[in-house]
């Protein structure tokens, strides 16, 4: 009799528990992901709208018989000068190895920019790039990365290495910036990591190299995402689905027509997995680097609000859960990110101008913000080290180690040495084990 009464009670408790988790996930809003983060400074966020406009210049393909209209001509014309586009590569040039990109000289901001466009739903080659991956397939610098995106980065650097080196030599005071949207953002992040590991090949230092990944896909493991947070920045608009879902990219884009159903299932699945288990999975990929989260909607409130930008180098809760929102796909659009980013920047500048801070105090405050970023980065590294992520046996370690100005894993580039492709350089840090799996070489000179 007691057993018969106990079973319905257990069923009720189980159902209530499942309902609680489901409701918790359904009521999860995008602004909660960055609720505890600090506000971004205008100087740090200022390049983001500009990068978005340079990325959008890729969508006007002059070699196409029916060129795609530029999304926002009024915004592009005063910012992107066609005369400063040093090189433009379309699908005819890349032959499906990477999305179209351009190299742009931004003299007004002393910046050399390599910008990649996002995925084209009408191009099979872009899908092939996404499909070139599986969980834990590619190890890199002590972590895991997306195999197809890394190979695309190697191809770009192989083609543009000489041009970038010449531009950096011609403009020694300019910074080198990699940027991209969606699929291109993942390639840009890979580009930055490979360049930072081979700074001598381009003749640039780490402090002059940076990346702005706009609406990026999850493309690198947690240890890499935290370690490279000083040079890689990710920009996410409110409820954007792509940086939040750990679903393999190929599953997302194969299911583009029933994407809401896929996101709902993924949301419920992640809810049932403890966060500690997610963080300790060394193969799980994340959005790269420091996160800039543009927040314009709040819980249980209708309409858009004046956008604010939150920033952090998160470890726990790094966009772990999908937001079930009707704006989850719209917030992924580069046009909306540019518009809301520009609004947020204008508000930040207006607030700073209203305060009328003297130049000396402004400089001191900027230095304080930079110190806070460094301390925040170190705290993130310490927190990540306490996770004791297993499964990565490499000479680089998991989270520890210093950041060299040059990696000894690749040969030096000199005039007497034959030209080596970036694809070959990437392959030199890998080897195959007895099962045919690609692993990081244990005999690296840096060990």
Protein backbone atom coordinates (compact mmCIF):
# COMPACT_ATOMS: atom_id res chain seq x y z
CA UNK A 1 0.00 0.00 0.00
CA UNK A 2 2.83 2.39 0.91
CA UNK A 3 4.69 1.48 -2.29
CA UNK A 4 1.59 2.20 -4.38
CA UNK A 5 1.27 5.63 -2.79
CA UNK A 6 4.97 6.34 -3.16
CA UNK A 7 5.12 5.88 -6.94
CA UNK A 8 2.59 8.62 -7.82
CA UNK A 9 4.37 10.93 -5.38
CA UNK A 10 7.73 10.34 -7.08
CA UNK A 11 6.15 10.91 -10.47
CA UNK A 12 4.68 14.20 -9.30
CA UNK A 13 8.03 15.35 -7.89
CA UNK A 14 9.75 14.36 -11.14
CA UNK A 15 7.18 16.18 -13.28
CA UNK A 16 7.37 19.29 -11.11
CA UNK A 17 11.16 19.27 -11.34
CA UNK A 18 11.08 18.97 -15.14
CA UNK A 19 8.45 21.70 -15.37
CA UNK A 20 10.56 23.99 -13.19
CA UNK A 21 13.61 23.56 -15.39
CA UNK A 22 11.58 24.02 -18.57
CA UNK A 23 9.96 27.22 -17.26
CA UNK A 24 13.34 28.50 -16.08
CA UNK A 25 14.78 28.02 -19.55
CA UNK A 26 11.77 29.46 -21.34
CA UNK A 27 11.88 32.58 -19.16
CA UNK A 28 15.63 33.02 -19.60
CA UNK A 29 16.31 36.36 -21.30
CA UNK A 30 19.41 37.65 -23.03
CA UNK A 31 20.08 40.46 -20.58
CA UNK A 32 20.65 37.97 -17.74
CA UNK A 33 23.78 36.59 -19.39
CA UNK A 34 25.64 39.85 -18.72
CA UNK A 35 23.73 41.10 -15.67
CA UNK A 36 26.84 41.03 -13.46
CA UNK A 37 29.25 42.43 -16.05
CA UNK A 38 30.66 45.93 -16.06
CA UNK A 39 29.88 48.63 -18.62
CA UNK A 40 32.21 48.99 -21.60
CA UNK A 41 34.20 52.17 -22.14
CA UNK A 42 33.57 54.18 -25.30
CA UNK A 43 37.23 54.02 -26.33
CA UNK A 44 37.24 50.22 -26.21
CA UNK A 45 33.94 49.78 -28.04
CA UNK A 46 34.50 52.54 -30.62
CA UNK A 47 35.98 50.28 -33.37
CA UNK A 48 32.98 47.91 -33.41
CA UNK A 49 30.50 49.91 -35.58
CA UNK A 50 33.34 50.82 -37.91
CA UNK A 51 34.30 47.15 -38.28
CA UNK A 52 30.69 46.26 -39.05
CA UNK A 53 30.61 48.77 -41.90
CA UNK A 54 33.87 47.45 -43.35
CA UNK A 55 32.48 43.90 -43.18
CA UNK A 56 29.33 45.01 -45.01
CA UNK A 57 31.49 46.30 -47.86
CA UNK A 58 32.06 42.62 -48.75
CA UNK A 59 28.41 42.20 -49.67
CA UNK A 60 28.80 44.37 -52.77
CA UNK A 61 30.43 41.96 -55.22
CA UNK A 62 31.56 43.92 -58.28
CA UNK A 63 32.55 40.78 -60.21
CA UNK A 64 29.09 39.25 -59.97
CA UNK A 65 26.78 39.72 -63.01
CA UNK A 66 23.98 40.51 -60.55
CA UNK A 67 25.80 42.07 -57.62
CA UNK A 68 24.21 41.84 -54.21
CA UNK A 69 23.02 45.30 -53.16
CA UNK A 70 25.08 46.84 -50.41
CA UNK A 71 22.93 46.56 -47.25
CA UNK A 72 23.15 50.20 -46.14
CA UNK A 73 24.75 52.50 -48.74
CA UNK A 74 24.26 55.72 -46.69
CA UNK A 75 26.25 54.19 -43.84
CA UNK A 76 28.99 52.75 -46.02
CA UNK A 77 29.73 55.73 -48.25
CA UNK A 78 31.15 58.14 -45.65
CA UNK A 79 33.10 55.44 -43.80
CA UNK A 80 34.44 52.94 -46.34
CA UNK A 81 36.40 54.62 -49.12
CA UNK A 82 36.65 52.29 -52.16
CA UNK A 83 40.03 53.84 -52.97
CA UNK A 84 41.42 52.42 -49.70
CA UNK A 85 40.38 48.84 -50.47
CA UNK A 86 43.79 47.34 -51.20
CA UNK A 87 42.50 43.92 -52.17
CA UNK A 88 39.08 42.33 -52.58
CA UNK A 89 38.54 38.58 -52.89
CA UNK A 90 35.21 37.20 -54.08
CA UNK A 91 33.94 33.65 -54.42
CA UNK A 92 35.57 33.54 -57.85
CA UNK A 93 38.98 34.01 -56.18
CA UNK A 94 38.51 31.90 -53.06
CA UNK A 95 36.87 28.96 -54.90
CA UNK A 96 34.94 27.96 -51.81
CA UNK A 97 37.91 27.80 -49.43
CA UNK A 98 36.67 30.80 -47.45
CA UNK A 99 33.99 33.47 -47.65
CA UNK A 100 34.76 36.71 -49.56
CA UNK A 101 37.03 39.17 -47.80
CA UNK A 102 38.86 42.43 -48.35
CA UNK A 103 41.95 44.22 -47.06
CA UNK A 104 41.23 47.83 -46.16
CA UNK A 105 43.53 50.69 -45.20
CA UNK A 106 41.79 52.87 -42.62
CA UNK A 107 44.12 55.88 -42.56
CA UNK A 108 41.81 57.88 -40.30
CA UNK A 109 42.28 55.33 -37.51
CA UNK A 110 45.78 54.06 -38.46
CA UNK A 111 44.46 50.56 -39.01
CA UNK A 112 45.03 47.75 -41.51
CA UNK A 113 41.83 45.69 -41.59
CA UNK A 114 41.18 42.26 -43.06
CA UNK A 115 37.39 41.80 -43.02
CA UNK A 116 35.44 38.62 -43.92
CA UNK A 117 31.74 38.40 -44.72
CA UNK A 118 29.37 35.91 -43.15
CA UNK A 119 27.84 32.71 -44.48
CA UNK A 120 25.98 32.82 -47.79
CA UNK A 121 22.94 30.52 -47.61
CA UNK A 122 23.10 30.06 -51.38
CA UNK A 123 26.69 28.78 -51.49
CA UNK A 124 27.38 25.07 -51.04
CA UNK A 125 31.05 25.82 -50.42
CA UNK A 126 30.20 27.66 -47.21
CA UNK A 127 28.31 24.61 -45.96
CA UNK A 128 31.27 22.40 -46.88
CA UNK A 129 33.47 24.65 -44.74
CA UNK A 130 31.12 24.15 -41.78
CA UNK A 131 30.92 20.39 -42.31
CA UNK A 132 34.70 20.04 -42.12
CA UNK A 133 34.67 19.37 -38.40
CA UNK A 134 33.66 16.95 -35.69
CA UNK A 135 33.84 17.03 -31.90
CA UNK A 136 37.45 17.02 -30.76
CA UNK A 137 38.86 16.62 -34.27
CA UNK A 138 41.34 19.51 -34.28
CA UNK A 139 43.72 20.31 -31.45
CA UNK A 140 45.57 23.60 -31.51
CA UNK A 141 47.85 25.33 -29.01
CA UNK A 142 46.73 23.13 -26.13
CA UNK A 143 43.00 23.35 -26.90
CA UNK A 144 40.41 22.51 -29.55
CA UNK A 145 39.26 24.56 -32.51
CA UNK A 146 36.92 24.14 -35.48
CA UNK A 147 38.88 22.30 -38.16
CA UNK A 148 37.28 23.92 -41.23
CA UNK A 149 37.65 27.45 -39.87
CA UNK A 150 41.31 26.88 -39.04
CA UNK A 151 42.03 25.57 -42.54
CA UNK A 152 40.24 28.58 -44.04
CA UNK A 153 42.43 30.86 -41.92
CA UNK A 154 45.54 29.07 -43.16
CA UNK A 155 44.46 29.59 -46.77
CA UNK A 156 43.84 33.33 -46.25
CA UNK A 157 47.18 33.88 -44.56
CA UNK A 158 48.97 31.92 -47.26
CA UNK A 159 47.49 34.23 -49.91
CA UNK A 160 47.74 37.54 -48.05
CA UNK A 161 50.89 37.11 -45.95
CA UNK A 162 53.13 39.08 -48.31
CA UNK A 163 50.61 41.91 -48.71
CA UNK A 164 50.03 42.25 -44.95
CA UNK A 165 53.75 42.19 -44.25
CA UNK A 166 54.40 44.90 -46.84
CA UNK A 167 51.59 47.08 -45.46
CA UNK A 168 52.87 46.70 -41.89
CA UNK A 169 56.36 47.61 -43.06
CA UNK A 170 55.05 50.62 -44.99
CA UNK A 171 52.90 51.80 -42.05
CA UNK A 172 54.86 50.86 -38.91
CA UNK A 173 52.49 52.74 -36.59
CA UNK A 174 49.31 51.05 -37.86
CA UNK A 175 47.52 48.25 -36.06
CA UNK A 176 46.54 44.96 -37.74
CA UNK A 177 42.88 44.06 -37.24
CA UNK A 178 41.05 40.90 -38.27
CA UNK A 179 37.27 41.08 -38.28
CA UNK A 180 34.33 39.13 -39.63
CA UNK A 181 30.68 38.31 -39.15
CA UNK A 182 29.16 34.91 -38.29
CA UNK A 183 31.18 32.30 -40.20
CA UNK A 184 33.74 34.99 -41.09
CA UNK A 185 34.07 35.87 -37.40
CA UNK A 186 35.24 32.34 -36.65
CA UNK A 187 37.82 32.54 -39.44
CA UNK A 188 38.98 35.94 -38.15
CA UNK A 189 39.50 34.48 -34.66
CA UNK A 190 41.54 31.62 -36.12
CA UNK A 191 43.57 34.11 -38.17
CA UNK A 192 44.41 36.05 -35.03
CA UNK A 193 45.56 33.01 -33.08
CA UNK A 194 47.81 31.74 -35.88
CA UNK A 195 49.32 35.21 -36.40
CA UNK A 196 49.95 35.67 -32.66
CA UNK A 197 51.79 32.35 -32.64
CA UNK A 198 53.91 33.51 -35.62
CA UNK A 199 54.38 37.22 -35.07
CA UNK A 200 57.80 37.26 -36.72
CA UNK A 201 56.38 36.06 -40.03
CA UNK A 202 54.45 39.31 -40.46
CA UNK A 203 56.85 41.50 -38.51
CA UNK A 204 54.22 42.62 -36.01
CA UNK A 205 53.98 42.51 -32.20
CA UNK A 206 51.08 41.18 -30.14
CA UNK A 207 50.07 44.64 -28.93
CA UNK A 208 49.48 45.75 -32.55
CA UNK A 209 47.28 42.75 -33.36
CA UNK A 210 43.58 42.49 -32.51
CA UNK A 211 40.36 40.84 -33.63
CA UNK A 212 36.69 41.81 -33.57
CA UNK A 213 34.48 38.76 -34.10
CA UNK A 214 30.93 40.00 -34.74
CA UNK A 215 28.18 37.49 -33.89
CA UNK A 216 30.74 34.66 -33.84
CA UNK A 217 30.12 30.95 -33.93
CA UNK A 218 31.55 28.85 -31.14
CA UNK A 219 34.93 28.02 -32.59
CA UNK A 220 37.46 27.37 -29.80
CA UNK A 221 37.69 25.61 -26.45
CA UNK A 222 37.35 27.49 -23.17
CA UNK A 223 41.07 27.61 -22.40
CA UNK A 224 41.85 29.25 -25.75
CA UNK A 225 38.88 31.62 -25.48
CA UNK A 226 40.20 32.91 -22.15
CA UNK A 227 43.91 32.92 -23.00
CA UNK A 228 43.45 35.02 -26.14
CA UNK A 229 41.01 37.49 -24.56
CA UNK A 230 43.62 40.26 -24.69
CA UNK A 231 43.62 40.27 -28.51
CA UNK A 232 40.26 38.73 -29.53
CA UNK A 233 36.94 40.48 -28.87
CA UNK A 234 33.50 39.03 -29.58
CA UNK A 235 30.45 41.24 -30.15
CA UNK A 236 26.99 39.80 -29.42
CA UNK A 237 23.65 41.58 -29.84
CA UNK A 238 21.08 40.73 -27.15
CA UNK A 239 19.54 37.29 -27.94
CA UNK A 240 21.73 36.16 -30.87
CA UNK A 241 21.46 32.37 -31.09
CA UNK A 242 24.82 31.49 -32.71
CA UNK A 243 27.25 32.37 -29.87
CA UNK A 244 24.93 30.60 -27.41
CA UNK A 245 24.36 27.18 -28.92
CA UNK A 246 26.98 24.47 -28.74
CA UNK A 247 25.10 22.53 -31.42
CA UNK A 248 27.55 21.69 -34.22
CA UNK A 249 27.43 24.35 -36.90
CA UNK A 250 26.62 21.83 -39.59
CA UNK A 251 23.48 20.75 -37.68
CA UNK A 252 22.36 24.36 -37.35
CA UNK A 253 22.62 25.24 -41.00
CA UNK A 254 21.28 21.90 -42.24
CA UNK A 255 18.22 22.59 -40.09
CA UNK A 256 17.86 26.27 -40.97
CA UNK A 257 14.17 25.84 -41.90
CA UNK A 258 13.30 24.24 -38.56
CA UNK A 259 15.87 26.17 -36.52
CA UNK A 260 13.40 27.19 -33.74
CA UNK A 261 12.62 23.52 -33.04
CA UNK A 262 16.34 22.69 -32.95
CA UNK A 263 17.07 25.56 -30.57
CA UNK A 264 14.25 24.53 -28.25
CA UNK A 265 15.52 20.95 -28.06
CA UNK A 266 19.06 22.15 -27.48
CA UNK A 267 17.87 24.53 -24.79
CA UNK A 268 16.10 21.76 -22.85
CA UNK A 269 19.06 19.40 -23.28
CA UNK A 270 21.60 21.91 -21.91
CA UNK A 271 19.30 22.62 -18.99
CA UNK A 272 19.62 19.03 -17.77
CA UNK A 273 23.44 19.03 -17.88
CA UNK A 274 25.22 20.49 -14.81
CA UNK A 275 27.28 23.57 -15.60
CA UNK A 276 30.39 22.03 -14.03
CA UNK A 277 30.16 19.16 -16.48
CA UNK A 278 29.88 21.58 -19.39
CA UNK A 279 32.89 23.60 -18.28
CA UNK A 280 35.09 20.54 -17.73
CA UNK A 281 34.50 19.18 -21.22
CA UNK A 282 37.75 20.16 -23.01
CA UNK A 283 36.21 19.62 -26.46
CA UNK A 284 33.28 21.98 -25.97
CA UNK A 285 33.67 25.11 -28.11
CA UNK A 286 32.87 28.67 -27.07
CA UNK A 287 32.64 32.20 -28.44
CA UNK A 288 36.22 33.55 -28.47
CA UNK A 289 37.92 36.14 -26.30
CA UNK A 290 36.48 39.09 -24.40
CA UNK A 291 32.73 39.50 -24.87
CA UNK A 292 30.95 42.77 -25.64
CA UNK A 293 27.22 42.24 -25.11
CA UNK A 294 24.87 44.87 -26.55
CA UNK A 295 21.72 44.85 -24.38
CA UNK A 296 18.59 46.64 -25.63
CA UNK A 297 15.71 44.60 -24.19
CA UNK A 298 14.91 43.69 -20.59
CA UNK A 299 12.95 40.97 -18.85
CA UNK A 300 9.15 41.22 -19.04
CA UNK A 301 9.32 44.58 -20.85
CA UNK A 302 8.14 45.30 -24.37
CA UNK A 303 10.06 47.22 -27.00
CA UNK A 304 13.66 48.29 -27.33
CA UNK A 305 15.48 50.47 -24.84
CA UNK A 306 18.54 52.68 -25.34
CA UNK A 307 21.27 50.07 -25.88
CA UNK A 308 24.05 49.60 -23.34
CA UNK A 309 27.22 47.57 -23.77
CA UNK A 310 28.38 45.16 -21.06
CA UNK A 311 31.81 43.55 -21.21
CA UNK A 312 33.73 40.81 -19.41
CA UNK A 313 36.07 37.87 -19.87
CA UNK A 314 33.58 35.30 -18.60
CA UNK A 315 34.36 31.73 -17.64
CA UNK A 316 31.20 30.54 -15.88
CA UNK A 317 28.06 31.26 -17.84
CA UNK A 318 29.78 32.16 -21.10
CA UNK A 319 26.51 32.27 -23.08
CA UNK A 320 25.76 28.68 -22.11
CA UNK A 321 21.99 28.73 -22.72
CA UNK A 322 19.94 29.50 -25.79
CA UNK A 323 17.40 32.32 -25.41
CA UNK A 324 13.96 31.32 -26.67
CA UNK A 325 13.16 34.63 -28.31
CA UNK A 326 11.56 35.75 -31.55
CA UNK A 327 14.61 38.00 -31.99
CA UNK A 328 17.18 35.20 -31.69
CA UNK A 329 17.80 35.12 -35.45
CA UNK A 330 17.22 38.81 -36.18
CA UNK A 331 19.84 39.80 -33.61
CA UNK A 332 22.35 37.86 -35.69
CA UNK A 333 22.04 40.26 -38.66
CA UNK A 334 25.09 42.45 -39.28
CA UNK A 335 22.87 45.44 -40.12
CA UNK A 336 21.16 45.38 -36.72
CA UNK A 337 24.46 44.90 -34.90
CA UNK A 338 25.93 47.93 -36.66
CA UNK A 339 22.90 50.11 -35.97
CA UNK A 340 22.52 49.21 -32.31
CA UNK A 341 26.28 49.32 -31.77
CA UNK A 342 26.44 52.83 -33.21
CA UNK A 343 23.53 53.94 -31.03
CA UNK A 344 25.24 52.56 -27.93
CA UNK A 345 28.51 54.27 -28.86
CA UNK A 346 26.77 57.60 -29.44
CA UNK A 347 25.12 57.37 -26.03
CA UNK A 348 28.45 56.59 -24.36
CA UNK A 349 30.16 59.52 -26.08
CA UNK A 350 27.26 61.83 -25.23
CA UNK A 351 27.49 60.83 -21.58
CA UNK A 352 31.24 61.40 -21.52
CA UNK A 353 30.91 64.81 -23.20
CA UNK A 354 28.21 65.84 -20.74
CA UNK A 355 30.54 65.08 -17.85
CA UNK A 356 33.19 67.44 -19.33
CA UNK A 357 36.09 65.49 -17.90
CA UNK A 358 39.46 67.28 -18.26
CA UNK A 359 41.92 65.64 -20.63
CA UNK A 360 44.31 64.65 -17.80
CA UNK A 361 41.53 62.96 -15.86
CA UNK A 362 40.25 61.31 -19.05
CA UNK A 363 43.70 59.86 -19.73
CA UNK A 364 43.97 58.65 -16.14
CA UNK A 365 40.55 57.03 -16.37
CA UNK A 366 41.50 55.28 -19.62
CA UNK A 367 44.61 53.89 -17.96
CA UNK A 368 42.50 52.70 -15.04
CA UNK A 369 40.12 50.91 -17.42
CA UNK A 370 43.05 49.19 -19.12
CA UNK A 371 44.42 48.04 -15.76
CA UNK A 372 40.98 46.73 -14.82
CA UNK A 373 40.84 44.77 -18.08
CA UNK A 374 44.21 43.22 -17.36
CA UNK A 375 43.19 42.28 -13.82
CA UNK A 376 39.89 40.90 -15.10
CA UNK A 377 41.76 38.80 -17.65
CA UNK A 378 44.11 37.44 -14.99
CA UNK A 379 41.15 36.61 -12.73
CA UNK A 380 39.49 34.75 -15.60
CA UNK A 381 42.68 32.76 -16.18
CA UNK A 382 42.88 31.88 -12.48
CA UNK A 383 39.23 30.82 -12.43
CA UNK A 384 39.71 28.75 -15.58
CA UNK A 385 42.77 27.06 -14.09
CA UNK A 386 40.73 25.89 -11.08
CA UNK A 387 38.43 23.92 -13.40
CA UNK A 388 41.21 21.39 -14.04
CA UNK A 389 40.01 20.60 -17.52
CA UNK A 390 41.15 17.08 -18.36
CA UNK A 391 41.84 15.41 -21.67
CA UNK A 392 44.45 17.83 -23.02
CA UNK A 393 47.98 16.49 -22.69
CA UNK A 394 50.15 19.03 -24.44
CA UNK A 395 53.38 20.89 -23.98
CA UNK A 396 51.46 24.17 -23.84
CA UNK A 397 49.41 23.29 -20.76
CA UNK A 398 45.73 23.98 -20.43
CA UNK A 399 45.47 27.53 -19.13
CA UNK A 400 48.90 28.36 -17.81
CA UNK A 401 52.01 29.66 -19.49
CA UNK A 402 53.21 33.00 -20.72
CA UNK A 403 52.38 34.72 -24.00
CA UNK A 404 55.49 34.69 -26.19
CA UNK A 405 56.00 37.30 -28.86
CA UNK A 406 56.96 34.45 -31.20
CA UNK A 407 56.11 30.79 -31.17
CA UNK A 408 58.99 28.33 -31.55
CA UNK A 409 56.54 25.79 -32.97
CA UNK A 410 56.96 27.29 -36.43
CA UNK A 411 60.19 27.99 -38.32
CA UNK A 412 61.49 31.51 -38.59
CA UNK A 413 60.83 33.37 -41.80
CA UNK A 414 63.89 34.85 -43.44
CA UNK A 415 65.08 35.84 -46.85
CA UNK A 416 67.31 32.76 -47.14
CA UNK A 417 64.54 30.31 -46.30
CA UNK A 418 62.07 28.96 -48.84
CA UNK A 419 58.53 30.26 -48.60
CA UNK A 420 56.38 27.93 -46.50
CA UNK A 421 52.61 27.99 -46.79
CA UNK A 422 50.54 28.77 -43.71
CA UNK A 423 48.70 25.49 -44.19
CA UNK A 424 52.02 23.66 -43.88
CA UNK A 425 52.94 25.73 -40.84
CA UNK A 426 49.69 24.78 -39.16
CA UNK A 427 50.23 21.11 -39.95
CA UNK A 428 53.70 21.18 -38.34
CA UNK A 429 52.18 21.31 -34.86
CA UNK A 430 50.10 18.18 -35.47
CA UNK A 431 50.77 14.49 -35.74
CA UNK A 432 48.65 11.34 -35.95
CA UNK A 433 48.45 8.83 -33.13
CA UNK A 434 48.12 5.05 -33.48
CA UNK A 435 44.38 5.34 -34.12
CA UNK A 436 44.83 7.92 -36.88
CA UNK A 437 43.61 10.79 -34.68
CA UNK A 438 45.20 14.21 -35.21
CA UNK A 439 46.87 15.34 -31.98
CA UNK A 440 49.25 18.11 -30.93
CA UNK A 441 52.90 17.12 -31.16
CA UNK A 442 54.34 16.33 -27.76
CA UNK A 443 57.90 17.04 -28.94
CA UNK A 444 57.34 20.76 -29.46
CA UNK A 445 60.47 22.86 -28.89
CA UNK A 446 58.53 25.01 -26.46
CA UNK A 447 58.09 22.12 -24.04
